[in-house]
Amino acid sequence: MDVSGKQTVITEHNYSDDYFFRAIKLDGAFTDNFGNYGDFDSFVTVIMKQGNIYKVDFSNKFTLQNNKSYFMEGQRKQGGKGTGVGEAIVISANSPFEDLLNSKCVYGIKYFQNTFFSKMKCKINDAALKEMKNIKETTQKK
């Protein structure tokens, strides 16, 4: 899955010169390898210490072309300045995406000014795979 869009800093708490908390909103769009597409939004909290990431937590919402959604939560381990790799899991899904629940994903993200670019790979079961492949066919018949 490819995701990109804009980031907006919502708030920042500066504990010291090299230690701070930041809440960020990501808004964008995504495509997957089945031809699906849609809107993406995310809320991210970041704690930076001594110029490096100490902790990242996030909640993502993916809304597909059929107006159905699924949600992920994730985190990223310590290290790096902003660009990095982390893990996510599908925690909630509208019908017909229930089979995506508990699917685990790995992502990479890069930033250029206020734009983000991300790639995500998820391990999904056969039932979820079938549902994701059928979204495109269902919407094209309408």
C-alpha atoms as a PDB file:
ATOM      1  CA  MET A   1       0.000   0.000   0.000  1.00  0.00           C
ATOM      2  CA  ASP A   2       1.242   3.496  -0.849  1.00  0.00           C
ATOM      3  CA  VAL A   3       0.111   6.397   1.337  1.00  0.00           C
ATOM      4  CA  SER A   4       0.998  10.067   0.976  1.00  0.00           C
ATOM      5  CA  GLY A   5      -0.311  13.450   2.020  1.00  0.00           C
ATOM      6  CA  LYS A   6       0.295  16.433   4.277  1.00  0.00           C
ATOM      7  CA  GLN A   7       1.191  16.646   7.932  1.00  0.00           C
ATOM      8  CA  THR A   8      -0.003  19.329  10.350  1.00  0.00           C
ATOM      9  CA  VAL A   9       1.403  19.823  13.841  1.00  0.00           C
ATOM     10  CA  ILE A  10      -1.559  20.091  16.228  1.00  0.00           C
ATOM     11  CA  THR A  11       0.333  20.865  19.426  1.00  0.00           C
ATOM     12  CA  GLU A  12       3.810  20.667  20.883  1.00  0.00           C
ATOM     13  CA  HIS A  13       5.049  20.579  24.468  1.00  0.00           C
ATOM     14  CA  ASN A  14       8.694  21.531  24.829  1.00  0.00           C
ATOM     15  CA  TYR A  15      10.048  19.998  28.014  1.00  0.00           C
ATOM     16  CA  SER A  16      13.573  21.222  27.316  1.00  0.00           C
ATOM     17  CA  ASP A  17      15.734  22.195  24.334  1.00  0.00           C
ATOM     18  CA  ASP A  18      16.107  18.562  23.233  1.00  0.00           C
ATOM     19  CA  TYR A  19      13.054  16.842  24.742  1.00  0.00           C
ATOM     20  CA  PHE A  20       9.498  17.404  23.482  1.00  0.00           C
ATOM     21  CA  PHE A  21       6.074  15.921  22.766  1.00  0.00           C
ATOM     22  CA  ARG A  22       4.331  16.570  19.439  1.00  0.00           C
ATOM     23  CA  ALA A  23       0.824  15.671  18.224  1.00  0.00           C
ATOM     24  CA  ILE A  24       0.481  15.497  14.437  1.00  0.00           C
ATOM     25  CA  LYS A  25      -2.452  15.044  12.037  1.00  0.00           C
ATOM     26  CA  LEU A  26      -1.740  13.297   8.725  1.00  0.00           C
ATOM     27  CA  ASP A  27      -4.224  13.717   5.844  1.00  0.00           C
ATOM     28  CA  GLY A  28      -3.815  12.071   2.486  1.00  0.00           C
ATOM     29  CA  ALA A  29      -4.737   9.306   0.092  1.00  0.00           C
ATOM     30  CA  PHE A  30      -3.727   5.710  -0.506  1.00  0.00           C
ATOM     31  CA  THR A  31      -3.682   3.010  -3.149  1.00  0.00           C
ATOM     32  CA  ASP A  32      -3.131  -0.716  -2.740  1.00  0.00           C
ATOM     33  CA  ASN A  33      -1.865  -3.449  -5.049  1.00  0.00           C
ATOM     34  CA  PHE A  34      -5.468  -4.566  -5.835  1.00  0.00           C
ATOM     35  CA  GLY A  35      -6.370  -1.252  -7.478  1.00  0.00           C
ATOM     36  CA  ASN A  36      -8.248   0.051  -4.424  1.00  0.00           C
ATOM     37  CA  TYR A  37      -7.905   3.673  -3.371  1.00  0.00           C
ATOM     38  CA  GLY A  38      -9.257   6.102  -0.827  1.00  0.00           C
ATOM     39  CA  ASP A  39      -8.723   8.679   1.879  1.00  0.00           C
ATOM     40  CA  PHE A  40      -6.307   8.317   4.755  1.00  0.00           C
ATOM     41  CA  ASP A  41      -6.158  10.160   8.044  1.00  0.00           C
ATOM     42  CA  SER A  42      -4.049   9.606  11.096  1.00  0.00           C
ATOM     43  CA  PHE A  43      -3.276  11.067  14.491  1.00  0.00           C
ATOM     44  CA  VAL A  44       0.299  10.596  15.652  1.00  0.00           C
ATOM     45  CA  THR A  45       2.021  11.356  18.933  1.00  0.00           C
ATOM     46  CA  VAL A  46       5.794  11.631  18.997  1.00  0.00           C
ATOM     47  CA  ILE A  47       8.237  12.032  21.858  1.00  0.00           C
ATOM     48  CA  MET A  48      11.706  13.217  20.839  1.00  0.00           C
ATOM     49  CA  LYS A  49      14.755  13.126  23.124  1.00  0.00           C
ATOM     50  CA  GLN A  50      18.186  14.452  22.214  1.00  0.00           C
ATOM     51  CA  GLY A  51      17.180  14.824  18.546  1.00  0.00           C
ATOM     52  CA  ASN A  52      16.009  11.218  18.168  1.00  0.00           C
ATOM     53  CA  ILE A  53      12.620   9.539  18.300  1.00  0.00           C
ATOM     54  CA  TYR A  54      11.936   8.085  21.728  1.00  0.00           C
ATOM     55  CA  LYS A  55       8.331   6.951  21.125  1.00  0.00           C
ATOM     56  CA  VAL A  56       5.700   7.089  18.354  1.00  0.00           C
ATOM     57  CA  ASP A  57       2.076   5.940  18.643  1.00  0.00           C
ATOM     58  CA  PHE A  58      -0.645   6.387  16.030  1.00  0.00           C
ATOM     59  CA  SER A  59      -4.185   5.619  14.919  1.00  0.00           C
ATOM     60  CA  ASN A  60      -4.936   5.390  11.178  1.00  0.00           C
ATOM     61  CA  LYS A  61      -8.256   5.438   9.329  1.00  0.00           C
ATOM     62  CA  PHE A  62      -8.472   4.120   5.757  1.00  0.00           C
ATOM     63  CA  THR A  63     -11.699   4.902   3.852  1.00  0.00           C
ATOM     64  CA  LEU A  64     -11.971   3.004   0.581  1.00  0.00           C
ATOM     65  CA  GLN A  65     -13.747   3.881  -2.652  1.00  0.00           C
ATOM     66  CA  ASN A  66     -16.885   2.075  -1.414  1.00  0.00           C
ATOM     67  CA  ASN A  67     -17.000   4.405   1.645  1.00  0.00           C
ATOM     68  CA  LYS A  68     -16.216   1.543   4.040  1.00  0.00           C
ATOM     69  CA  SER A  69     -13.412   1.978   6.558  1.00  0.00           C
ATOM     70  CA  TYR A  70     -10.918   0.121   8.674  1.00  0.00           C
ATOM     71  CA  PHE A  71      -8.646   1.333  11.452  1.00  0.00           C
ATOM     72  CA  MET A  72      -5.101   0.550  12.542  1.00  0.00           C
ATOM     73  CA  GLU A  73      -3.066   1.324  15.614  1.00  0.00           C
ATOM     74  CA  GLY A  74       0.666   1.214  15.628  1.00  0.00           C
ATOM     75  CA  GLN A  75       3.923   2.229  17.098  1.00  0.00           C
ATOM     76  CA  ARG A  76       7.509   2.780  16.277  1.00  0.00           C
ATOM     77  CA  LYS A  77      10.506   1.861  18.317  1.00  0.00           C
ATOM     78  CA  GLN A  78      13.234   4.242  19.404  1.00  0.00           C
ATOM     79  CA  GLY A  79      15.719   5.686  16.987  1.00  0.00           C
ATOM     80  CA  GLY A  80      15.939   7.893  13.950  1.00  0.00           C
ATOM     81  CA  LYS A  81      15.163  11.509  13.275  1.00  0.00           C
ATOM     82  CA  GLY A  82      11.776  11.155  11.537  1.00  0.00           C
ATOM     83  CA  THR A  83      12.166   8.727   8.670  1.00  0.00           C
ATOM     84  CA  GLY A  84      11.720   5.177   9.872  1.00  0.00           C
ATOM     85  CA  VAL A  85      10.044   1.796  10.072  1.00  0.00           C
ATOM     86  CA  GLY A  86       7.346   0.563  12.444  1.00  0.00           C
ATOM     87  CA  GLU A  87       4.492  -1.864  12.974  1.00  0.00           C
ATOM     88  CA  ALA A  88       0.690  -1.591  12.908  1.00  0.00           C
ATOM     89  CA  ILE A  89      -2.317  -3.851  13.419  1.00  0.00           C
ATOM     90  CA  VAL A  90      -5.914  -3.614  12.156  1.00  0.00           C
ATOM     91  CA  ILE A  91      -8.054  -3.036  15.265  1.00  0.00           C
ATOM     92  CA  SER A  92     -11.503  -2.239  13.822  1.00  0.00           C
ATOM     93  CA  ALA A  93     -13.245  -2.675  10.470  1.00  0.00           C
ATOM     94  CA  ASN A  94     -16.649  -1.977   8.902  1.00  0.00           C
ATOM     95  CA  SER A  95     -18.372  -4.767   7.010  1.00  0.00           C
ATOM     96  CA  PRO A  96     -17.148  -6.334   4.719  1.00  0.00           C
ATOM     97  CA  PHE A  97     -13.642  -5.896   6.164  1.00  0.00           C
ATOM     98  CA  GLU A  98     -14.022  -7.854   9.416  1.00  0.00           C
ATOM     99  CA  ASP A  99     -11.576 -10.460   8.117  1.00  0.00           C
ATOM    100  CA  LEU A 100      -8.849  -7.801   8.210  1.00  0.00           C
ATOM    101  CA  LEU A 101      -9.040  -7.660  12.025  1.00  0.00           C
ATOM    102  CA  ASN A 102      -5.709  -8.431  13.706  1.00  0.00           C
ATOM    103  CA  SER A 103      -3.803  -8.267  10.406  1.00  0.00           C
ATOM    104  CA  LYS A 104      -0.238  -7.168  11.115  1.00  0.00           C
ATOM    105  CA  CYS A 105       1.579  -4.639   8.983  1.00  0.00           C
ATOM    106  CA  VAL A 106       5.046  -3.158   8.625  1.00  0.00           C
ATOM    107  CA  TYR A 107       5.469   0.362   7.317  1.00  0.00           C
ATOM    108  CA  GLY A 108       8.164   2.771   6.273  1.00  0.00           C
ATOM    109  CA  ILE A 109       7.703   6.554   6.230  1.00  0.00           C
ATOM    110  CA  LYS A 110       9.663   9.521   4.870  1.00  0.00           C
ATOM    111  CA  TYR A 111       9.036  13.247   5.112  1.00  0.00           C
ATOM    112  CA  PHE A 112       9.787  16.133   2.764  1.00  0.00           C
ATOM    113  CA  GLN A 113       8.875  19.471   4.309  1.00  0.00           C
ATOM    114  CA  ASN A 114       5.168  19.023   5.259  1.00  0.00           C
ATOM    115  CA  THR A 115       4.565  16.057   2.938  1.00  0.00           C
ATOM    116  CA  PHE A 116       4.793  12.422   4.003  1.00  0.00           C
ATOM    117  CA  PHE A 117       5.315   9.305   1.886  1.00  0.00           C
ATOM    118  CA  SER A 118       4.700   5.837   3.289  1.00  0.00           C
ATOM    119  CA  LYS A 119       4.722   2.227   2.129  1.00  0.00           C
ATOM    120  CA  MET A 120       2.926  -0.454   4.108  1.00  0.00           C
ATOM    121  CA  LYS A 121       2.931  -4.226   3.735  1.00  0.00           C
ATOM    122  CA  CYS A 122       0.339  -6.303   5.560  1.00  0.00           C
ATOM    123  CA  LYS A 123      -0.025 -10.008   6.140  1.00  0.00           C
ATOM    124  CA  ILE A 124      -3.719 -10.801   5.648  1.00  0.00           C
ATOM    125  CA  ASN A 125      -5.629 -14.086   5.695  1.00  0.00           C
ATOM    126  CA  ASP A 126      -7.262 -15.647   2.612  1.00  0.00           C
ATOM    127  CA  ALA A 127     -10.774 -14.370   3.471  1.00  0.00           C
ATOM    128  CA  ALA A 128      -9.487 -10.785   3.822  1.00  0.00           C
ATOM    129  CA  LEU A 129      -7.529 -11.149   0.596  1.00  0.00           C
ATOM    130  CA  LYS A 130     -10.717 -12.167  -1.229  1.00  0.00           C
ATOM    131  CA  GLU A 131     -12.618  -9.182   0.210  1.00  0.00           C
ATOM    132  CA  MET A 132      -9.898  -6.721  -0.802  1.00  0.00           C
ATOM    133  CA  LYS A 133      -9.810  -8.105  -4.351  1.00  0.00           C
ATOM    134  CA  ASN A 134     -13.620  -7.843  -4.648  1.00  0.00           C
ATOM    135  CA  ILE A 135     -13.889  -4.159  -3.685  1.00  0.00           C
ATOM    136  CA  LYS A 136     -12.757  -3.008  -7.106  1.00  0.00           C
ATOM    137  CA  GLU A 137     -15.181  -5.364  -8.906  1.00  0.00           C
ATOM    138  CA  THR A 138     -18.107  -4.357  -6.693  1.00  0.00           C
ATOM    139  CA  THR A 139     -17.636  -0.628  -7.226  1.00  0.00           C
ATOM    140  CA  GLN A 140     -17.019  -0.940 -10.963  1.00  0.00           C
ATOM    141  CA  LYS A 141     -20.397  -2.703 -11.457  1.00  0.00           C
ATOM    142  CA  LYS A 142     -22.315   0.296 -10.051  1.00  0.00           C
END
